[in-house]
Every structure is written in structure tokens, then in C-alpha cells.
Amino acid sequence: MFRMSIRGVVGMTAAGLLVAGAALAADPPASKAAAKAPNAKAAEGKAGAAVDEIAVMETSRGTMAIEFWPKDAPQTVANFKKLARQGFFDGTGFHRIIKGFMIQGGDPKSKNAKAPDLGTGDPGYKIKDEFNTHRHVKGVLSMANSGTPNSAGSQFFMMHGTAPHLDGHYTAFGRVFEGLDVLDAIANTPVAGNPGMGGEMSKPLEWTTVKSVRIMPRDAYLAKQAEGKKAEAQAKAAEAAKAAKAKEEAAAKVAESKKAAAATKAKMEAERAAADSTKKGNDGK
């Protein structure tokens, strides 16, 4: 498994391991930012605290379903949901990929895959750290930061391996519960040296786009999945029945053809026998 220390990249100092907004001077002051971080309690009050919501992330390599941990990171979860509902992540990409470690996205600047400052974007505000006891293992969703307290914004990363050195230093707030094969596909993207990250091998040579991130009740998602599986099963059954019928019809045609051939042969043999009998009668006269 690929491992990195918290400051393990050559040339990285204050930028940290999973950075968001490496060019700190370019970040707008929080007091002047047009957007504001969501209030977790207010967000829950509007949506209904009893509703168990998930995120369905559709990418150019497939779909991943993500469950949240609102009890352990309420503001972080509320922020991610707010941005998703606004379409903030739509069209962005995974700009930093390290197989066996993590894939990183959520940068609005990554809507341009060739942007020279990938990894420095944010929503125009910062949110507070909500470090918790969740471990950084495969599938876990966590927030990137700039290496300073309360500096996360919109950039997130999904773990592709286990990294205990990140525990307690980054806000883990959910996990991929369906679509780990998609996570694997993205993590296996060919990479090259990343100039913005000290030359580490993390710059994707093939771009994966986040088409959309939809927030929906888990029950609705599961019902939709069940409906889809049922429709798929029905389609397969119908296809199997169609194939069986075609096979049956083909067999019937073969049997009919054999029957016709046998009848033709019998007729020809009867005619030949009759001809032979007639010839013998004529020869005896």
C-alpha cells in the first residue's frame, strides 16, 4: 500500500498533505466572501432531522453512493449538501489521484482540466474543522484543508487505502457504500508528476468528470435501486424467454425440415421401387 507522511511531499510545507487552496494569498477573506458557510442546525431544521439523506455522485466512470455522518461532522455535512444542491460540484473533476491512498476533487477550478492552479479553489468561505474518531480507511470521504486550522471549503478526498496518520487531522464526514468499483477505476487512472504538489505522481493523464451530485433520501435511493434491479431482472427474463422461444422455433424448423426430407426420400424410394417393378414385368414378357 502506498503511504505518505502528513508532510511527506518534497517541497510541501504549510500546504499540507491534502491541500485545498495551496496559494493561500489568493483565498478571499472570509468577511468579504460573497457566499457563507451553512448553519448545520438551520440546514437540518429545513430538511428535517429525521431524513436520512445520501449523495449520489455520477462521474464519467460510473456512479458512487455516499452516506454521511452528521452526528460527528454536522457543519461539514451541511456544507457538502448545500454545495451539491447548488450544483457546485457539477462539471468539476478529480485533479489529484494517488492509487492506494486517495483521490481528491471538489475544486471549482477543476471545471477546466488544464487550469494552471488546480487545487487552489474554494467556495469563497471556510468551515470549521470537525475532527472525529472515524478512521481514514478505503471509501471514507474527508475534507481537504490548507494545513491551517479551519481552512476547509469545498475540496474533499475519498480514501483508496488506509492512512491512520490522517486520523484526527482531517474531517471525515461520510463513506462510499456503493460504487467502490468506480472509486477503484478512478484511483487506477494513469498519472504523471504534479508540478503544483512538489512533483508527486498524482496528476491524472485521463480526466474523470463529476457529472452531478444529487442529495436524496436513502429510502428513495434504495427504492429506485430495487426498481432498477427488478426492471433489469424482468428484462433479462424477457430476453431469456425470447431466446428460448427462438431456440424452440429453430428446433421445430429443423424437425420439420428433417420430416420433409424423410418424406421426400421415402417417396423417391417408392417411385424407384415401382419403376424397378415395372421394368422387371416388362423384361419378363
C-alpha atoms as a PDB file:
ATOM      1  CA  MET A   1       0.000   0.000   0.000  1.00  0.00           C
ATOM      2  CA  PHE A   2       1.208   3.479  -0.864  1.00  0.00           C
ATOM      3  CA  ARG A   3       1.756   5.582   2.265  1.00  0.00           C
ATOM      4  CA  MET A   4       2.632   9.188   2.862  1.00  0.00           C
ATOM      5  CA  SER A   5       3.500  11.172   5.930  1.00  0.00           C
ATOM      6  CA  ILE A   6       1.452  14.274   6.730  1.00  0.00           C
ATOM      7  CA  ARG A   7       4.249  16.399   5.262  1.00  0.00           C
ATOM      8  CA  GLY A   8       5.657  13.715   3.025  1.00  0.00           C
ATOM      9  CA  VAL A   9       5.785  15.523  -0.312  1.00  0.00           C
ATOM     10  CA  VAL A  10       9.079  17.144  -1.217  1.00  0.00           C
ATOM     11  CA  GLY A  11       8.683  20.880  -1.317  1.00  0.00           C
ATOM     12  CA  MET A  12       5.464  20.924   0.723  1.00  0.00           C
ATOM     13  CA  THR A  13       5.438  22.902   3.956  1.00  0.00           C
ATOM     14  CA  ALA A  14       2.360  24.820   5.055  1.00  0.00           C
ATOM     15  CA  ALA A  15       0.376  23.403   2.153  1.00  0.00           C
ATOM     16  CA  GLY A  16      -0.003  20.095   3.979  1.00  0.00           C
ATOM     17  CA  LEU A  17      -0.838  16.681   2.568  1.00  0.00           C
ATOM     18  CA  LEU A  18      -4.380  17.073   1.289  1.00  0.00           C
ATOM     19  CA  VAL A  19      -4.373  20.718   0.404  1.00  0.00           C
ATOM     20  CA  ALA A  20      -7.175  22.980  -0.683  1.00  0.00           C
ATOM     21  CA  GLY A  21      -6.106  26.465  -1.642  1.00  0.00           C
ATOM     22  CA  ALA A  22      -2.352  25.957  -1.700  1.00  0.00           C
ATOM     23  CA  ALA A  23      -1.931  29.549  -2.857  1.00  0.00           C
ATOM     24  CA  LEU A  24      -3.150  30.975   0.426  1.00  0.00           C
ATOM     25  CA  ALA A  25      -2.794  34.605  -0.634  1.00  0.00           C
ATOM     26  CA  ALA A  26      -5.383  34.020  -3.342  1.00  0.00           C
ATOM     27  CA  ASP A  27      -8.090  32.986  -0.893  1.00  0.00           C
ATOM     28  CA  PRO A  28     -10.674  35.761  -0.313  1.00  0.00           C
ATOM     29  CA  PRO A  29     -11.031  36.986   3.287  1.00  0.00           C
ATOM     30  CA  ALA A  30     -13.983  35.308   4.984  1.00  0.00           C
ATOM     31  CA  SER A  31     -15.525  38.690   5.867  1.00  0.00           C
ATOM     32  CA  LYS A  32     -15.626  39.724   2.192  1.00  0.00           C
ATOM     33  CA  ALA A  33     -16.714  36.411   0.708  1.00  0.00           C
ATOM     34  CA  ALA A  34     -19.987  36.578  -1.188  1.00  0.00           C
ATOM     35  CA  ALA A  35     -21.012  33.120  -0.014  1.00  0.00           C
ATOM     36  CA  LYS A  36     -21.409  31.972   3.560  1.00  0.00           C
ATOM     37  CA  ALA A  37     -20.876  28.659   5.278  1.00  0.00           C
ATOM     38  CA  PRO A  38     -24.183  26.958   6.101  1.00  0.00           C
ATOM     39  CA  ASN A  39     -25.500  26.698   9.620  1.00  0.00           C
ATOM     40  CA  ALA A  40     -25.765  22.974  10.362  1.00  0.00           C
ATOM     41  CA  LYS A  41     -28.745  23.304  12.728  1.00  0.00           C
ATOM     42  CA  ALA A  42     -30.637  25.562  10.337  1.00  0.00           C
ATOM     43  CA  ALA A  43     -29.942  23.226   7.444  1.00  0.00           C
ATOM     44  CA  GLU A  44     -31.188  20.240   9.431  1.00  0.00           C
ATOM     45  CA  GLY A  45     -34.254  22.164  10.520  1.00  0.00           C
ATOM     46  CA  LYS A  46     -35.272  22.896   6.939  1.00  0.00           C
ATOM     47  CA  ALA A  47     -34.542  19.440   5.595  1.00  0.00           C
ATOM     48  CA  GLY A  48     -35.937  17.586   8.589  1.00  0.00           C
ATOM     49  CA  ALA A  49     -33.551  15.993  11.070  1.00  0.00           C
ATOM     50  CA  ALA A  50     -35.251  12.604  10.724  1.00  0.00           C
ATOM     51  CA  VAL A  51     -34.494  12.321   6.997  1.00  0.00           C
ATOM     52  CA  ASP A  52     -31.521  10.071   6.277  1.00  0.00           C
ATOM     53  CA  GLU A  53     -30.019  11.655   3.176  1.00  0.00           C
ATOM     54  CA  ILE A  54     -27.245  10.382   0.949  1.00  0.00           C
ATOM     55  CA  ALA A  55     -25.316  11.757  -2.006  1.00  0.00           C
ATOM     56  CA  VAL A  56     -25.387  10.094  -5.420  1.00  0.00           C
ATOM     57  CA  MET A  57     -22.266  11.141  -7.324  1.00  0.00           C
ATOM     58  CA  GLU A  58     -22.378  10.435 -11.039  1.00  0.00           C
ATOM     59  CA  THR A  59     -18.961  10.538 -12.713  1.00  0.00           C
ATOM     60  CA  SER A  60     -17.718   9.821 -16.217  1.00  0.00           C
ATOM     61  CA  ARG A  61     -16.526   6.452 -14.878  1.00  0.00           C
ATOM     62  CA  GLY A  62     -19.683   5.425 -13.050  1.00  0.00           C
ATOM     63  CA  THR A  63     -21.812   6.239 -10.018  1.00  0.00           C
ATOM     64  CA  MET A  64     -20.967   6.229  -6.308  1.00  0.00           C
ATOM     65  CA  ALA A  65     -23.444   6.422  -3.417  1.00  0.00           C
ATOM     66  CA  ILE A  66     -22.242   8.183  -0.261  1.00  0.00           C
ATOM     67  CA  GLU A  67     -23.688   8.122   3.240  1.00  0.00           C
ATOM     68  CA  PHE A  68     -22.997  10.921   5.736  1.00  0.00           C
ATOM     69  CA  TRP A  69     -22.039  11.137   9.417  1.00  0.00           C
ATOM     70  CA  PRO A  70     -23.982  14.258  10.510  1.00  0.00           C
ATOM     71  CA  LYS A  71     -23.680  13.477  14.232  1.00  0.00           C
ATOM     72  CA  ASP A  72     -19.883  13.604  14.040  1.00  0.00           C
ATOM     73  CA  ALA A  73     -19.441  16.404  11.476  1.00  0.00           C
ATOM     74  CA  PRO A  74     -22.728  18.364  11.223  1.00  0.00           C
ATOM     75  CA  GLN A  75     -21.399  21.563   9.640  1.00  0.00           C
ATOM     76  CA  THR A  76     -19.219  19.685   7.167  1.00  0.00           C
ATOM     77  CA  VAL A  77     -22.138  17.503   6.067  1.00  0.00           C
ATOM     78  CA  ALA A  78     -24.454  20.518   5.800  1.00  0.00           C
ATOM     79  CA  ASN A  79     -21.846  22.361   3.726  1.00  0.00           C
ATOM     80  CA  PHE A  80     -21.378  19.464   1.302  1.00  0.00           C
ATOM     81  CA  LYS A  81     -25.138  19.051   0.871  1.00  0.00           C
ATOM     82  CA  LYS A  82     -25.608  22.778   0.280  1.00  0.00           C
ATOM     83  CA  LEU A  83     -22.909  22.895  -2.384  1.00  0.00           C
ATOM     84  CA  ALA A  84     -24.265  19.747  -4.043  1.00  0.00           C
ATOM     85  CA  ARG A  85     -27.800  21.172  -4.193  1.00  0.00           C
ATOM     86  CA  GLN A  86     -26.408  24.345  -5.769  1.00  0.00           C
ATOM     87  CA  GLY A  87     -24.701  22.266  -8.489  1.00  0.00           C
ATOM     88  CA  PHE A  88     -21.310  23.471  -7.252  1.00  0.00           C
ATOM     89  CA  PHE A  89     -19.582  20.152  -7.939  1.00  0.00           C
ATOM     90  CA  ASP A  90     -21.185  19.556 -11.352  1.00  0.00           C
ATOM     91  CA  GLY A  91     -18.540  19.618 -14.072  1.00  0.00           C
ATOM     92  CA  THR A  92     -15.572  19.504 -11.692  1.00  0.00           C
ATOM     93  CA  GLY A  93     -13.006  16.707 -11.804  1.00  0.00           C
ATOM     94  CA  PHE A  94     -10.622  14.689  -9.672  1.00  0.00           C
ATOM     95  CA  HIS A  95      -7.467  16.757 -10.002  1.00  0.00           C
ATOM     96  CA  ARG A  96      -5.205  14.728  -7.689  1.00  0.00           C
ATOM     97  CA  ILE A  97      -5.007  10.928  -7.707  1.00  0.00           C
ATOM     98  CA  ILE A  98      -2.718   8.600  -5.767  1.00  0.00           C
ATOM     99  CA  LYS A  99      -3.548   4.925  -6.161  1.00  0.00           C
ATOM    100  CA  GLY A 100      -3.685   3.083  -2.853  1.00  0.00           C
ATOM    101  CA  PHE A 101      -4.044   6.381  -0.986  1.00  0.00           C
ATOM    102  CA  MET A 102      -6.807   8.733  -2.147  1.00  0.00           C
ATOM    103  CA  ILE A 103      -8.491  10.682  -4.960  1.00  0.00           C
ATOM    104  CA  GLN A 104      -9.145  14.411  -4.481  1.00  0.00           C
ATOM    105  CA  GLY A 105     -11.834  16.648  -6.009  1.00  0.00           C
ATOM    106  CA  GLY A 106     -14.223  19.480  -5.219  1.00  0.00           C
ATOM    107  CA  ASP A 107     -12.118  22.306  -6.650  1.00  0.00           C
ATOM    108  CA  PRO A 108     -14.307  24.654  -8.754  1.00  0.00           C
ATOM    109  CA  LYS A 109     -11.237  25.464 -10.836  1.00  0.00           C
ATOM    110  CA  SER A 110     -11.140  21.836 -11.978  1.00  0.00           C
ATOM    111  CA  LYS A 111     -14.024  22.557 -14.366  1.00  0.00           C
ATOM    112  CA  ASN A 112     -11.070  23.422 -16.580  1.00  0.00           C
ATOM    113  CA  ALA A 113      -8.859  20.330 -16.553  1.00  0.00           C
ATOM    114  CA  LYS A 114      -5.936  22.380 -17.859  1.00  0.00           C
ATOM    115  CA  ALA A 115      -6.160  25.203 -15.300  1.00  0.00           C
ATOM    116  CA  PRO A 116      -2.639  26.071 -14.083  1.00  0.00           C
ATOM    117  CA  ASP A 117      -3.756  26.490 -10.471  1.00  0.00           C
ATOM    118  CA  LEU A 118      -5.708  23.278  -9.888  1.00  0.00           C
ATOM    119  CA  GLY A 119      -6.111  22.538  -6.203  1.00  0.00           C
ATOM    120  CA  THR A 120      -6.388  26.160  -5.071  1.00  0.00           C
ATOM    121  CA  GLY A 121     -10.129  26.762  -5.450  1.00  0.00           C
ATOM    122  CA  ASP A 122     -12.825  27.025  -2.788  1.00  0.00           C
ATOM    123  CA  PRO A 123     -16.433  28.242  -2.464  1.00  0.00           C
ATOM    124  CA  GLY A 124     -15.415  31.672  -1.160  1.00  0.00           C
ATOM    125  CA  TYR A 125     -15.552  30.805   2.534  1.00  0.00           C
ATOM    126  CA  LYS A 126     -14.074  28.386   5.070  1.00  0.00           C
ATOM    127  CA  ILE A 127     -15.700  25.980   7.518  1.00  0.00           C
ATOM    128  CA  LYS A 128     -14.599  24.818  10.939  1.00  0.00           C
ATOM    129  CA  ASP A 129     -12.700  21.583  11.472  1.00  0.00           C
ATOM    130  CA  GLU A 130     -14.775  18.767  12.939  1.00  0.00           C
ATOM    131  CA  PHE A 131     -12.144  16.131  13.608  1.00  0.00           C
ATOM    132  CA  ASN A 132     -13.650  12.930  14.965  1.00  0.00           C
ATOM    133  CA  THR A 133     -12.917   9.283  15.697  1.00  0.00           C
ATOM    134  CA  HIS A 134     -13.718   7.921  12.238  1.00  0.00           C
ATOM    135  CA  ARG A 135     -10.679   6.237  10.707  1.00  0.00           C
ATOM    136  CA  HIS A 136      -9.384   7.057   7.249  1.00  0.00           C
ATOM    137  CA  VAL A 137      -9.934   3.729   5.506  1.00  0.00           C
ATOM    138  CA  LYS A 138     -10.972   2.841   1.965  1.00  0.00           C
ATOM    139  CA  GLY A 139     -14.187   4.562   0.900  1.00  0.00           C
ATOM    140  CA  VAL A 140     -14.149   7.274   3.587  1.00  0.00           C
ATOM    141  CA  LEU A 141     -14.989  10.823   2.459  1.00  0.00           C
ATOM    142  CA  SER A 142     -12.986  13.573   4.160  1.00  0.00           C
ATOM    143  CA  MET A 143     -12.281  17.295   3.757  1.00  0.00           C
ATOM    144  CA  ALA A 144      -9.042  18.662   2.351  1.00  0.00           C
ATOM    145  CA  ASN A 145      -7.540  21.736   4.026  1.00  0.00           C
ATOM    146  CA  SER A 146      -4.605  24.105   3.604  1.00  0.00           C
ATOM    147  CA  GLY A 147      -2.708  22.840   6.622  1.00  0.00           C
ATOM    148  CA  THR A 148      -4.017  25.555   8.925  1.00  0.00           C
ATOM    149  CA  PRO A 149      -6.958  25.317  11.359  1.00  0.00           C
ATOM    150  CA  ASN A 150     -10.483  25.755   9.967  1.00  0.00           C
ATOM    151  CA  SER A 151      -9.332  26.089   6.343  1.00  0.00           C
ATOM    152  CA  ALA A 152     -11.561  23.558   4.546  1.00  0.00           C
ATOM    153  CA  GLY A 153     -14.043  24.796   1.962  1.00  0.00           C
ATOM    154  CA  SER A 154     -15.238  22.545  -0.849  1.00  0.00           C
ATOM    155  CA  GLN A 155     -12.352  20.239  -1.683  1.00  0.00           C
ATOM    156  CA  PHE A 156     -12.757  16.658  -0.491  1.00  0.00           C
ATOM    157  CA  PHE A 157     -10.929  13.383  -0.875  1.00  0.00           C
ATOM    158  CA  MET A 158     -12.006   9.751  -0.974  1.00  0.00           C
ATOM    159  CA  MET A 159      -9.728   7.198   0.599  1.00  0.00           C
ATOM    160  CA  HIS A 160      -8.443   4.401  -1.631  1.00  0.00           C
ATOM    161  CA  GLY A 161      -6.439   2.805   1.164  1.00  0.00           C
ATOM    162  CA  THR A 162      -5.859   3.036   4.905  1.00  0.00           C
ATOM    163  CA  ALA A 163      -3.995   6.076   6.274  1.00  0.00           C
ATOM    164  CA  PRO A 164      -4.045   6.229  10.103  1.00  0.00           C
ATOM    165  CA  HIS A 165      -1.729   9.254  10.066  1.00  0.00           C
ATOM    166  CA  LEU A 166      -4.662  11.313   8.731  1.00  0.00           C
ATOM    167  CA  ASP A 167      -6.965  10.385  11.630  1.00  0.00           C
ATOM    168  CA  GLY A 168      -7.707  13.387  13.817  1.00  0.00           C
ATOM    169  CA  HIS A 169      -6.139  15.816  11.323  1.00  0.00           C
ATOM    170  CA  TYR A 170      -8.837  15.862   8.620  1.00  0.00           C
ATOM    171  CA  THR A 171     -12.613  15.899   8.953  1.00  0.00           C
ATOM    172  CA  ALA A 172     -14.045  12.538   7.915  1.00  0.00           C
ATOM    173  CA  PHE A 173     -17.773  13.008   7.252  1.00  0.00           C
ATOM    174  CA  GLY A 174     -19.052  10.051   5.223  1.00  0.00           C
ATOM    175  CA  ARG A 175     -18.222   6.972   3.192  1.00  0.00           C
ATOM    176  CA  VAL A 176     -18.909   5.385  -0.188  1.00  0.00           C
ATOM    177  CA  PHE A 177     -21.302   2.493   0.449  1.00  0.00           C
ATOM    178  CA  GLU A 178     -21.973   1.624  -3.181  1.00  0.00           C
ATOM    179  CA  GLY A 179     -19.694   2.074  -6.170  1.00  0.00           C
ATOM    180  CA  LEU A 180     -16.305   1.138  -4.729  1.00  0.00           C
ATOM    181  CA  ASP A 181     -15.512  -0.311  -8.161  1.00  0.00           C
ATOM    182  CA  VAL A 182     -15.876   3.223  -9.543  1.00  0.00           C
ATOM    183  CA  LEU A 183     -13.521   4.517  -6.844  1.00  0.00           C
ATOM    184  CA  ASP A 184     -11.047   1.811  -7.898  1.00  0.00           C
ATOM    185  CA  ALA A 185     -11.393   2.791 -11.559  1.00  0.00           C
ATOM    186  CA  ILE A 186     -10.636   6.442 -10.795  1.00  0.00           C
ATOM    187  CA  ALA A 187      -7.746   5.569  -8.480  1.00  0.00           C
ATOM    188  CA  ASN A 188      -6.199   3.428 -11.227  1.00  0.00           C
ATOM    189  CA  THR A 189      -6.008   6.398 -13.599  1.00  0.00           C
ATOM    190  CA  PRO A 190      -2.511   6.820 -15.127  1.00  0.00           C
ATOM    191  CA  VAL A 191      -0.701   9.758 -13.517  1.00  0.00           C
ATOM    192  CA  ALA A 192       2.350  11.950 -14.049  1.00  0.00           C
ATOM    193  CA  GLY A 193       4.375  14.342 -11.902  1.00  0.00           C
ATOM    194  CA  ASN A 194       2.262  17.115 -10.397  1.00  0.00           C
ATOM    195  CA  PRO A 195       4.131  20.476 -10.533  1.00  0.00           C
ATOM    196  CA  GLY A 196       1.709  22.032  -8.047  1.00  0.00           C
ATOM    197  CA  MET A 197       2.433  19.312  -5.493  1.00  0.00           C
ATOM    198  CA  GLY A 198       6.210  19.182  -5.469  1.00  0.00           C
ATOM    199  CA  GLY A 199       6.361  16.793  -8.407  1.00  0.00           C
ATOM    200  CA  GLU A 200       4.472  13.943  -6.700  1.00  0.00           C
ATOM    201  CA  MET A 201       2.968  11.368  -9.066  1.00  0.00           C
ATOM    202  CA  SER A 202      -0.638  12.492  -8.803  1.00  0.00           C
ATOM    203  CA  LYS A 203      -1.531  14.475 -11.942  1.00  0.00           C
ATOM    204  CA  PRO A 204      -4.163  12.464 -13.861  1.00  0.00           C
ATOM    205  CA  LEU A 205      -3.400  11.789 -17.515  1.00  0.00           C
ATOM    206  CA  GLU A 206      -7.034  10.784 -18.064  1.00  0.00           C
ATOM    207  CA  TRP A 207      -9.690  13.143 -16.722  1.00  0.00           C
ATOM    208  CA  THR A 208     -12.628  11.961 -14.640  1.00  0.00           C
ATOM    209  CA  THR A 209     -15.523  14.416 -14.536  1.00  0.00           C
ATOM    210  CA  VAL A 210     -18.124  14.714 -11.792  1.00  0.00           C
ATOM    211  CA  LYS A 211     -21.308  14.994 -13.845  1.00  0.00           C
ATOM    212  CA  SER A 212     -23.596  15.619 -10.867  1.00  0.00           C
ATOM    213  CA  VAL A 213     -24.002  15.167  -7.116  1.00  0.00           C
ATOM    214  CA  ARG A 214     -27.628  14.661  -6.072  1.00  0.00           C
ATOM    215  CA  ILE A 215     -28.796  14.701  -2.457  1.00  0.00           C
ATOM    216  CA  MET A 216     -31.739  12.377  -1.840  1.00  0.00           C
ATOM    217  CA  PRO A 217     -33.338  10.309   0.954  1.00  0.00           C
ATOM    218  CA  ARG A 218     -31.688   6.925   1.392  1.00  0.00           C
ATOM    219  CA  ASP A 219     -35.100   5.208   1.212  1.00  0.00           C
ATOM    220  CA  ALA A 220     -35.821   6.830  -2.160  1.00  0.00           C
ATOM    221  CA  TYR A 221     -32.421   5.763  -3.472  1.00  0.00           C
ATOM    222  CA  LEU A 222     -32.828   2.184  -2.267  1.00  0.00           C
ATOM    223  CA  ALA A 223     -36.353   2.048  -3.715  1.00  0.00           C
ATOM    224  CA  LYS A 224     -35.044   3.337  -7.037  1.00  0.00           C
ATOM    225  CA  GLN A 225     -32.215   0.805  -6.957  1.00  0.00           C
ATOM    226  CA  ALA A 226     -34.670  -2.017  -6.186  1.00  0.00           C
ATOM    227  CA  GLU A 227     -36.924  -0.837  -9.006  1.00  0.00           C
ATOM    228  CA  GLY A 228     -33.955  -0.743 -11.349  1.00  0.00           C
ATOM    229  CA  LYS A 229     -32.851  -4.244 -10.351  1.00  0.00           C
ATOM    230  CA  LYS A 230     -36.412  -5.511 -10.783  1.00  0.00           C
ATOM    231  CA  ALA A 231     -36.637  -3.944 -14.237  1.00  0.00           C
ATOM    232  CA  GLU A 232     -33.235  -5.403 -15.094  1.00  0.00           C
ATOM    233  CA  ALA A 233     -34.336  -8.850 -13.897  1.00  0.00           C
ATOM    234  CA  GLN A 234     -37.557  -8.573 -15.918  1.00  0.00           C
ATOM    235  CA  ALA A 235     -35.602  -7.515 -18.986  1.00  0.00           C
ATOM    236  CA  LYS A 236     -33.232 -10.458 -18.571  1.00  0.00           C
ATOM    237  CA  ALA A 237     -36.171 -12.836 -18.086  1.00  0.00           C
ATOM    238  CA  ALA A 238     -37.875 -11.462 -21.189  1.00  0.00           C
ATOM    239  CA  GLU A 239     -34.642 -11.792 -23.166  1.00  0.00           C
ATOM    240  CA  ALA A 240     -34.191 -15.365 -21.893  1.00  0.00           C
ATOM    241  CA  ALA A 241     -37.790 -16.219 -22.837  1.00  0.00           C
ATOM    242  CA  LYS A 242     -37.272 -14.679 -26.270  1.00  0.00           C
ATOM    243  CA  ALA A 243     -34.076 -16.673 -26.751  1.00  0.00           C
ATOM    244  CA  ALA A 244     -35.799 -19.884 -25.585  1.00  0.00           C
ATOM    245  CA  LYS A 245     -38.695 -19.292 -27.970  1.00  0.00           C
ATOM    246  CA  ALA A 246     -36.312 -18.623 -30.839  1.00  0.00           C
ATOM    247  CA  LYS A 247     -34.425 -21.813 -29.987  1.00  0.00           C
ATOM    248  CA  GLU A 248     -37.686 -23.759 -29.836  1.00  0.00           C
ATOM    249  CA  GLU A 249     -38.819 -22.336 -33.178  1.00  0.00           C
ATOM    250  CA  ALA A 250     -35.454 -23.149 -34.727  1.00  0.00           C
ATOM    251  CA  ALA A 251     -35.650 -26.715 -33.406  1.00  0.00           C
ATOM    252  CA  ALA A 252     -39.181 -27.049 -34.783  1.00  0.00           C
ATOM    253  CA  LYS A 253     -37.993 -25.858 -38.179  1.00  0.00           C
ATOM    254  CA  VAL A 254     -35.138 -28.356 -38.126  1.00  0.00           C
ATOM    255  CA  ALA A 255     -37.538 -31.169 -37.156  1.00  0.00           C
ATOM    256  CA  GLU A 256     -39.981 -30.133 -39.898  1.00  0.00           C
ATOM    257  CA  SER A 257     -37.151 -29.960 -42.391  1.00  0.00           C
ATOM    258  CA  LYS A 258     -35.964 -33.452 -41.398  1.00  0.00           C
ATOM    259  CA  LYS A 259     -39.526 -34.764 -41.612  1.00  0.00           C
ATOM    260  CA  ALA A 260     -39.964 -33.268 -45.080  1.00  0.00           C
ATOM    261  CA  ALA A 261     -36.608 -34.675 -46.180  1.00  0.00           C
ATOM    262  CA  ALA A 262     -37.566 -38.127 -44.879  1.00  0.00           C
ATOM    263  CA  ALA A 263     -40.916 -37.938 -46.691  1.00  0.00           C
ATOM    264  CA  THR A 264     -39.202 -36.894 -49.903  1.00  0.00           C
ATOM    265  CA  LYS A 265     -36.706 -39.745 -49.574  1.00  0.00           C
ATOM    266  CA  ALA A 266     -39.470 -42.264 -48.891  1.00  0.00           C
ATOM    267  CA  LYS A 267     -41.403 -41.011 -51.925  1.00  0.00           C
ATOM    268  CA  MET A 268     -38.359 -41.239 -54.128  1.00  0.00           C
ATOM    269  CA  GLU A 269     -37.590 -44.762 -52.910  1.00  0.00           C
ATOM    270  CA  ALA A 270     -41.225 -45.795 -53.513  1.00  0.00           C
ATOM    271  CA  GLU A 271     -41.117 -44.351 -57.004  1.00  0.00           C
ATOM    272  CA  ARG A 272     -37.811 -46.097 -57.657  1.00  0.00           C
ATOM    273  CA  ALA A 273     -39.221 -49.409 -56.400  1.00  0.00           C
ATOM    274  CA  ALA A 274     -42.298 -49.012 -58.585  1.00  0.00           C
ATOM    275  CA  ALA A 275     -40.119 -48.245 -61.595  1.00  0.00           C
ATOM    276  CA  ASP A 276     -37.970 -51.304 -60.925  1.00  0.00           C
ATOM    277  CA  SER A 277     -41.090 -53.476 -60.603  1.00  0.00           C
ATOM    278  CA  THR A 278     -42.462 -52.176 -63.877  1.00  0.00           C
ATOM    279  CA  LYS A 279     -39.150 -52.761 -65.610  1.00  0.00           C
ATOM    280  CA  LYS A 280     -38.957 -56.364 -64.363  1.00  0.00           C
ATOM    281  CA  GLY A 281     -42.528 -57.002 -65.564  1.00  0.00           C
ATOM    282  CA  ASN A 282     -41.706 -55.673 -68.991  1.00  0.00           C
ATOM    283  CA  ASP A 283     -38.483 -57.741 -69.172  1.00  0.00           C
ATOM    284  CA  GLY A 284     -40.458 -60.981 -68.412  1.00  0.00           C
ATOM    285  CA  LYS A 285     -42.803 -60.625 -71.344  1.00  0.00           C
END
